[in-house]
């Protein structure tokens, strides 16, 4: 009879199930058991029906055991995927190999979950496993995105830093406006790339490296501005501007970490400071002509415009022009004729000029304005001079 044949088929399929059975085999056996159960249910009550029911119940037990084994395998696959996904760093430091391993595990588990039956009574198991897999996939995607962001940030920051990591490169930025501006423009993309990178020691290192490199670019621009300012010192206002640039450049460069690049930039700043000081202190070219006892005969090598700061009027830089330097003979002193705004000279004003000699001697010469005689009285070691009448 049909019920007998259905039970026979269900027994065979269920009896063939083992630990290696696939979901398709288990599903086929379950379908056979369901068909046999339907046919047995249709039989009238009898000892034969009871016997067939007992056989169906045994077959169902075999199928259930096989299905539970498949659930266990799928569940373990999901657990493996979860563990790998949970272990991924979300700050961009997870390696591509780690991400690939987790993704492969999710793929393997997904195949097993997809094969699970979707019948109402077991749907909750499949749904639960799928929810867990989806959560793991989000973690993998997040780690993948973080790695891509960090990789891009490393690329941009490394490129920026590499442009200012030698003395010669930074010194070139001082004089090459176009290159400095080009490099400065690449700072913003590099900085922006770090905004999306999650906090980590690696991000901290990148931020510190980028800012340190950018500080060098900024320092180069300060030195550049100083050099341009010292190119023209022909007025009080220009000298004041140059001194402001000097102060800014000094402060900026001195704040850099110690190293060859800082030293090189400090040397450039010092050169410009010397240029300003030479101008302000009236260090023009003096030549040693003759020395007799304590008298030094001097002459100026050329006419020169100088600027100095009056000691008693330090708030103002006063312009002084050497208009007619000359000597009257080999045994006489050099006579200096100065132009000086008379309405700005007050009694007690002093100007000190450090005069360098060929032998390396530096002699300070002081000019003091006499408010009564309206003359500049000059004093200095080795000098015999007459008051300068303005």
Protein backbone atom coordinates (compact mmCIF):
# COMPACT_ATOMS: atom_id res chain seq x y z
CA UNK A 1 0.00 0.00 0.00
CA UNK A 2 0.99 3.67 -0.50
CA UNK A 3 1.59 4.42 3.20
CA UNK A 4 3.89 1.42 3.50
CA UNK A 5 5.92 2.54 0.47
CA UNK A 6 6.17 6.11 1.77
CA UNK A 7 7.40 4.91 5.14
CA UNK A 8 9.93 2.62 3.47
CA UNK A 9 11.32 5.56 1.45
CA UNK A 10 11.48 7.83 4.51
CA UNK A 11 13.33 5.17 6.49
CA UNK A 12 15.90 4.68 3.74
CA UNK A 13 16.60 8.40 3.31
CA UNK A 14 16.70 9.08 7.05
CA UNK A 15 18.86 6.05 7.68
CA UNK A 16 21.45 7.22 5.16
CA UNK A 17 21.99 10.54 6.96
CA UNK A 18 25.33 11.01 8.76
CA UNK A 19 27.71 13.74 9.95
CA UNK A 20 28.71 14.55 6.35
CA UNK A 21 25.15 14.85 5.04
CA UNK A 22 24.27 18.07 3.27
CA UNK A 23 21.27 20.27 3.87
CA UNK A 24 19.82 19.05 0.56
CA UNK A 25 20.00 15.44 1.76
CA UNK A 26 18.46 16.32 5.10
CA UNK A 27 15.71 18.30 3.37
CA UNK A 28 14.97 15.36 1.05
CA UNK A 29 14.72 13.03 4.01
CA UNK A 30 12.48 15.49 5.87
CA UNK A 31 10.19 15.77 2.85
CA UNK A 32 9.96 11.97 2.67
CA UNK A 33 9.13 11.77 6.36
CA UNK A 34 6.48 14.48 5.96
CA UNK A 35 4.93 12.59 3.02
CA UNK A 36 4.95 9.31 4.93
CA UNK A 37 3.42 11.02 7.98
CA UNK A 38 0.61 12.40 5.85
CA UNK A 39 -0.17 8.99 4.42
CA UNK A 40 -0.04 7.29 7.81
CA UNK A 41 -2.34 9.95 9.24
CA UNK A 42 -4.86 9.12 6.53
CA UNK A 43 -5.06 5.44 7.56
CA UNK A 44 -7.88 4.26 9.81
CA UNK A 45 -6.92 3.26 13.31
CA UNK A 46 -5.37 -0.17 13.34
CA UNK A 47 -2.35 -2.07 14.54
CA UNK A 48 -0.82 -1.54 11.09
CA UNK A 49 -1.18 2.23 11.44
CA UNK A 50 0.47 2.11 14.87
CA UNK A 51 3.37 0.13 13.46
CA UNK A 52 3.89 2.53 10.57
CA UNK A 53 3.69 5.53 12.92
CA UNK A 54 6.41 4.08 15.09
CA UNK A 55 8.67 3.74 12.06
CA UNK A 56 7.92 7.34 10.94
CA UNK A 57 8.73 8.61 14.43
CA UNK A 58 12.13 6.89 14.32
CA UNK A 59 12.85 8.31 10.87
CA UNK A 60 11.90 11.79 12.07
CA UNK A 61 14.33 11.45 14.94
CA UNK A 62 17.15 10.64 12.54
CA UNK A 63 16.26 13.59 10.36
CA UNK A 64 16.01 15.95 13.34
CA UNK A 65 19.43 14.82 14.58
CA UNK A 66 20.94 15.40 11.16
CA UNK A 67 19.29 18.82 10.92
CA UNK A 68 20.63 19.79 14.33
CA UNK A 69 24.11 18.81 13.21
CA UNK A 70 23.77 21.14 10.20
CA UNK A 71 22.46 23.91 12.46
CA UNK A 72 25.49 23.40 14.68
CA UNK A 73 27.87 23.58 11.71
CA UNK A 74 26.23 26.76 10.40
CA UNK A 75 26.18 28.28 13.87
CA UNK A 76 29.87 27.50 14.38
CA UNK A 77 30.66 29.06 11.02
CA UNK A 78 28.79 32.19 12.09
CA UNK A 79 30.66 32.23 15.42
CA UNK A 80 33.98 31.96 13.57
CA UNK A 81 33.00 34.86 11.33
CA UNK A 82 31.89 36.89 14.34
CA UNK A 83 35.16 36.31 16.18
CA UNK A 84 37.22 37.39 13.20
CA UNK A 85 35.05 40.44 12.55
CA UNK A 86 35.07 41.41 16.22
CA UNK A 87 38.85 41.18 16.22
CA UNK A 88 39.26 43.74 13.44
CA UNK A 89 40.63 47.10 14.56
CA UNK A 90 38.21 49.84 13.54
CA UNK A 91 40.81 52.63 13.53
CA UNK A 92 42.34 51.73 10.18
CA UNK A 93 45.12 49.58 11.59
CA UNK A 94 43.52 46.24 10.66
CA UNK A 95 45.58 44.64 7.90
CA UNK A 96 44.15 43.72 4.53
CA UNK A 97 44.94 40.08 5.28
CA UNK A 98 42.90 40.23 8.49
CA UNK A 99 40.00 41.85 6.69
CA UNK A 100 40.13 39.27 3.90
CA UNK A 101 40.16 36.43 6.40
CA UNK A 102 37.06 37.76 8.15
CA UNK A 103 35.32 38.37 4.82
CA UNK A 104 36.06 34.82 3.69
CA UNK A 105 34.67 33.45 6.96
CA UNK A 106 31.47 35.46 6.48
CA UNK A 107 31.18 34.14 2.92
CA UNK A 108 31.58 30.54 4.07
CA UNK A 109 29.02 30.98 6.83
CA UNK A 110 26.61 32.72 4.46
CA UNK A 111 26.58 29.69 2.15
CA UNK A 112 25.61 27.46 5.07
CA UNK A 113 22.95 29.86 6.37
CA UNK A 114 21.47 30.30 2.92
CA UNK A 115 21.04 26.52 2.65
CA UNK A 116 19.10 26.25 5.90
CA UNK A 117 15.38 25.47 5.57
CA UNK A 118 12.95 28.36 5.85
CA UNK A 119 9.98 26.47 7.21
CA UNK A 120 8.07 28.31 9.90
CA UNK A 121 9.20 26.08 12.72
CA UNK A 122 12.91 26.55 11.98
CA UNK A 123 12.87 29.99 10.39
CA UNK A 124 13.85 31.66 13.66
CA UNK A 125 17.20 29.84 13.63
CA UNK A 126 18.03 30.90 10.11
CA UNK A 127 16.89 34.49 10.74
CA UNK A 128 18.95 34.75 13.92
CA UNK A 129 22.09 33.51 12.17
CA UNK A 130 21.52 35.91 9.28
CA UNK A 131 21.18 38.88 11.65
CA UNK A 132 24.46 37.94 13.29
CA UNK A 133 26.18 37.62 9.93
CA UNK A 134 24.90 41.01 8.83
CA UNK A 135 26.33 42.57 11.99
CA UNK A 136 29.71 40.96 11.29
CA UNK A 137 29.62 42.20 7.69
CA UNK A 138 29.13 45.77 8.91
CA UNK A 139 32.22 45.45 11.09
CA UNK A 140 34.26 44.16 8.17
CA UNK A 141 33.01 46.97 5.94
CA UNK A 142 33.86 49.51 8.63
CA UNK A 143 37.38 48.12 9.08
CA UNK A 144 37.83 48.10 5.31
CA UNK A 145 36.73 51.72 5.03
CA UNK A 146 38.95 52.75 7.95
CA UNK A 147 41.94 51.02 6.36
CA UNK A 148 41.30 52.77 3.06
CA UNK A 149 41.04 56.13 4.84
CA UNK A 150 44.21 55.58 6.82
CA UNK A 151 46.06 54.36 3.75
CA UNK A 152 45.08 57.49 1.83
CA UNK A 153 46.06 59.70 4.75
CA UNK A 154 49.44 57.99 5.01
CA UNK A 155 49.96 58.52 1.28
CA UNK A 156 49.16 62.25 1.41
CA UNK A 157 51.03 62.95 4.65
CA UNK A 158 54.10 61.01 3.54
CA UNK A 159 54.14 62.91 0.24
CA UNK A 160 53.92 66.24 2.08
CA UNK A 161 56.61 65.40 4.63
CA UNK A 162 58.96 64.08 1.94
CA UNK A 163 59.06 67.55 0.35
CA UNK A 164 60.55 69.21 3.44
CA UNK A 165 62.69 66.53 5.04
CA UNK A 166 66.13 67.86 4.06
CA UNK A 167 67.99 71.10 4.66
CA UNK A 168 68.32 71.85 0.95
CA UNK A 169 64.59 71.35 0.33
CA UNK A 170 63.59 73.73 3.10
CA UNK A 171 66.18 76.32 2.09
CA UNK A 172 64.82 76.19 -1.45
CA UNK A 173 61.35 76.96 -0.09
CA UNK A 174 62.73 80.17 1.39
CA UNK A 175 63.58 81.56 -2.03
CA UNK A 176 61.23 79.67 -4.36
CA UNK A 177 57.80 81.23 -3.84
CA UNK A 178 56.05 79.05 -6.42
CA UNK A 179 57.30 75.80 -4.95
CA UNK A 180 56.55 76.90 -1.40
CA UNK A 181 53.01 77.85 -2.36
CA UNK A 182 52.53 74.57 -4.19
CA UNK A 183 53.63 72.55 -1.18
CA UNK A 184 51.60 74.70 1.20
CA UNK A 185 48.51 74.02 -0.92
CA UNK A 186 48.99 70.27 -0.48
CA UNK A 187 48.75 70.63 3.29
CA UNK A 188 44.96 71.03 3.34
CA UNK A 189 44.17 67.76 1.49
CA UNK A 190 46.57 65.89 3.75
CA UNK A 191 45.05 67.44 6.86
CA UNK A 192 41.49 66.79 5.66
CA UNK A 193 42.32 63.14 5.00
CA UNK A 194 43.12 62.73 8.68
CA UNK A 195 39.76 64.09 9.82
CA UNK A 196 37.93 60.86 9.00
CA UNK A 197 40.64 58.64 10.49
CA UNK A 198 39.69 57.32 13.91
CA UNK A 199 41.93 58.06 16.86
CA UNK A 200 44.92 55.79 17.24
CA UNK A 201 48.62 56.01 17.93
CA UNK A 202 49.16 55.82 14.17
CA UNK A 203 46.89 58.80 13.56
CA UNK A 204 48.68 60.73 16.31
CA UNK A 205 52.02 60.06 14.63
CA UNK A 206 50.65 61.19 11.27
CA UNK A 207 49.17 64.38 12.70
CA UNK A 208 52.39 65.22 14.51
CA UNK A 209 54.47 64.50 11.42
CA UNK A 210 52.24 66.61 9.19
CA UNK A 211 52.19 69.56 11.56
CA UNK A 212 55.95 69.42 12.08
CA UNK A 213 56.49 69.45 8.31
CA UNK A 214 54.02 72.28 7.86
CA UNK A 215 55.83 74.25 10.55
CA UNK A 216 58.91 74.09 8.33
CA UNK A 217 56.96 75.44 5.37
CA UNK A 218 55.60 78.24 7.53
CA UNK A 219 59.07 78.99 8.89
CA UNK A 220 60.41 79.17 5.33
CA UNK A 221 57.71 81.71 4.47
CA UNK A 222 58.68 83.84 7.49
CA UNK A 223 62.33 83.82 6.44
CA UNK A 224 61.28 84.64 2.87
CA UNK A 225 59.28 87.65 4.10
CA UNK A 226 62.29 88.79 6.14
CA UNK A 227 64.62 88.55 3.17
CA UNK A 228 62.25 90.60 1.05
CA UNK A 229 61.96 93.21 3.80
CA UNK A 230 65.72 93.64 4.11
CA UNK A 231 66.00 94.18 0.38
CA UNK A 232 65.13 97.84 0.88
CA UNK A 233 66.12 99.65 4.09
CA UNK A 234 66.05 103.15 2.66
CA UNK A 235 63.57 104.65 5.14
CA UNK A 236 62.64 104.52 8.79
CA UNK A 237 59.34 102.85 7.95
CA UNK A 238 61.04 100.15 5.89
CA UNK A 239 63.57 99.47 8.63
CA UNK A 240 60.80 99.24 11.19
CA UNK A 241 58.99 96.78 8.93
CA UNK A 242 62.18 94.74 8.52
CA UNK A 243 62.65 94.60 12.29
CA UNK A 244 59.09 93.37 12.70
CA UNK A 245 59.75 90.67 10.12
CA UNK A 246 62.96 89.80 11.93
CA UNK A 247 61.15 89.37 15.24
CA UNK A 248 58.49 87.18 13.63
CA UNK A 249 61.00 85.04 11.76
CA UNK A 250 63.17 84.58 14.83
CA UNK A 251 60.27 83.52 17.00
CA UNK A 252 58.95 81.12 14.41
CA UNK A 253 62.27 79.49 13.56
CA UNK A 254 63.41 79.28 17.18
CA UNK A 255 60.24 77.36 18.05
CA UNK A 256 61.19 74.55 15.67
CA UNK A 257 62.64 71.35 17.13
CA UNK A 258 66.41 71.26 17.23
CA UNK A 259 68.13 69.83 14.19
CA UNK A 260 70.01 70.63 11.01
CA UNK A 261 67.00 72.27 9.34
CA UNK A 262 66.41 74.60 12.29
CA UNK A 263 70.09 75.52 12.35
CA UNK A 264 70.09 76.27 8.62
CA UNK A 265 67.05 78.54 8.95
CA UNK A 266 68.57 80.27 11.98
CA UNK A 267 71.68 80.96 9.91
CA UNK A 268 69.53 82.57 7.22
CA UNK A 269 67.75 84.70 9.81
CA UNK A 270 71.06 85.67 11.37
CA UNK A 271 72.35 86.79 7.98
CA UNK A 272 69.38 89.11 7.58
CA UNK A 273 69.71 90.39 11.12
CA UNK A 274 73.34 91.18 10.44
CA UNK A 275 72.31 93.04 7.30
CA UNK A 276 69.89 95.17 9.33
CA UNK A 277 72.38 95.74 12.12
CA UNK A 278 75.13 96.67 9.70
CA UNK A 279 72.84 99.23 8.19
CA UNK A 280 71.52 100.55 11.46
CA UNK A 281 74.90 100.71 13.17
CA UNK A 282 76.57 102.51 10.25
CA UNK A 283 79.03 99.74 9.65
CA UNK A 284 80.37 101.08 6.37
CA UNK A 285 83.72 100.26 4.89
CA UNK A 286 86.53 101.88 6.85
CA UNK A 287 90.15 101.51 5.83
CA UNK A 288 93.10 101.70 8.20
CA UNK A 289 95.45 104.31 6.75
CA UNK A 290 97.99 105.02 9.42
CA UNK A 291 98.41 104.75 13.18
CA UNK A 292 100.68 107.08 15.15
CA UNK A 293 100.71 106.73 18.90
CA UNK A 294 97.03 106.94 19.89
CA UNK A 295 95.76 108.59 16.76
CA UNK A 296 94.12 106.56 14.03
CA UNK A 297 93.67 108.26 10.70
CA UNK A 298 90.50 107.06 8.95
CA UNK A 299 88.70 107.68 5.73
CA UNK A 300 85.34 106.50 4.45
CA UNK A 301 85.55 104.36 1.36
CA UNK A 302 82.26 105.62 -0.10
CA UNK A 303 79.23 107.69 0.62
CA UNK A 304 76.57 105.69 2.40
CA UNK A 305 73.14 106.17 3.88
CA UNK A 306 72.80 104.77 7.39
CA UNK A 307 70.13 104.48 10.04
CA UNK A 308 70.62 104.16 13.76
CA UNK A 309 68.52 104.18 16.92
CA UNK A 310 69.12 106.99 19.40
CA UNK A 311 69.68 105.61 22.87
CA UNK A 312 67.56 108.30 24.51
CA UNK A 313 64.92 108.19 21.81
CA UNK A 314 64.63 104.45 21.30
CA UNK A 315 61.02 104.69 20.18
CA UNK A 316 62.14 106.27 16.91
CA UNK A 317 64.66 105.35 14.25
CA UNK A 318 66.46 108.50 13.05
CA UNK A 319 67.77 108.78 9.50
CA UNK A 320 71.35 110.05 9.18
CA UNK A 321 73.04 110.51 5.83
CA UNK A 322 76.80 110.65 5.38
CA UNK A 323 76.95 113.25 2.66
CA UNK A 324 80.58 114.38 2.34
CA UNK A 325 83.15 112.11 3.90
CA UNK A 326 86.70 113.26 3.16
CA UNK A 327 90.22 113.61 4.61
CA UNK A 328 92.37 116.78 4.60
CA UNK A 329 95.72 115.05 4.82
CA UNK A 330 97.47 111.94 5.95
CA UNK A 331 97.98 113.29 9.43
CA UNK A 332 94.53 114.69 9.98
CA UNK A 333 91.34 113.08 11.06
CA UNK A 334 88.44 112.26 8.80
CA UNK A 335 85.79 114.95 8.79
CA UNK A 336 82.16 113.86 8.65
CA UNK A 337 79.30 115.97 7.47
CA UNK A 338 75.86 114.70 8.57
CA UNK A 339 72.37 115.59 7.49
CA UNK A 340 70.01 115.30 10.40
CA UNK A 341 66.51 116.76 10.93
CA UNK A 342 67.32 119.57 13.33
CA UNK A 343 63.85 119.61 14.80
CA UNK A 344 64.34 116.00 15.94
CA UNK A 345 67.69 116.42 17.64
CA UNK A 346 67.50 117.21 21.35
CA UNK A 347 70.17 117.74 23.95
CA UNK A 348 71.64 114.49 25.17
CA UNK A 349 70.74 112.44 22.10
CA UNK A 350 73.49 109.91 21.47
CA UNK A 351 74.45 107.74 18.55
CA UNK A 352 76.96 104.94 19.02
CA UNK A 353 78.64 103.47 15.95
CA UNK A 354 80.85 100.37 16.16
CA UNK A 355 83.73 100.99 13.77
CA UNK A 356 85.54 97.86 12.53
CA UNK A 357 89.23 98.11 11.61
CA UNK A 358 91.20 95.89 9.29
CA UNK A 359 93.07 94.39 12.21
CA UNK A 360 89.79 93.16 13.70
CA UNK A 361 89.52 95.86 16.33
CA UNK A 362 86.02 97.16 16.98
CA UNK A 363 86.00 100.75 18.27
CA UNK A 364 82.75 102.27 19.53
CA UNK A 365 82.45 105.91 18.48
CA UNK A 366 79.81 107.96 20.30
CA UNK A 367 78.23 111.15 18.99
CA UNK A 368 76.38 113.23 21.60
CA UNK A 369 74.21 116.19 20.65
CA UNK A 370 75.04 119.37 22.59
CA UNK A 371 71.83 121.33 23.02
CA UNK A 372 73.68 124.60 23.65
CA UNK A 373 76.19 124.56 20.82
CA UNK A 374 73.94 122.55 18.52
CA UNK A 375 76.99 120.45 17.70
CA UNK A 376 77.54 116.72 17.72
CA UNK A 377 80.44 116.00 20.02
CA UNK A 378 82.34 112.89 19.06
CA UNK A 379 84.25 110.67 21.47
CA UNK A 380 86.00 107.38 20.90
CA UNK A 381 89.26 105.61 21.58
CA UNK A 382 92.00 106.35 19.04
CA UNK A 383 90.00 109.20 17.49
CA UNK A 384 90.73 112.93 17.50
CA UNK A 385 87.79 114.75 15.92
CA UNK A 386 86.22 118.13 15.90
CA UNK A 387 82.56 118.65 16.80
CA UNK A 388 80.26 118.22 13.83
CA UNK A 389 78.24 121.32 13.13
CA UNK A 390 74.81 120.50 11.75
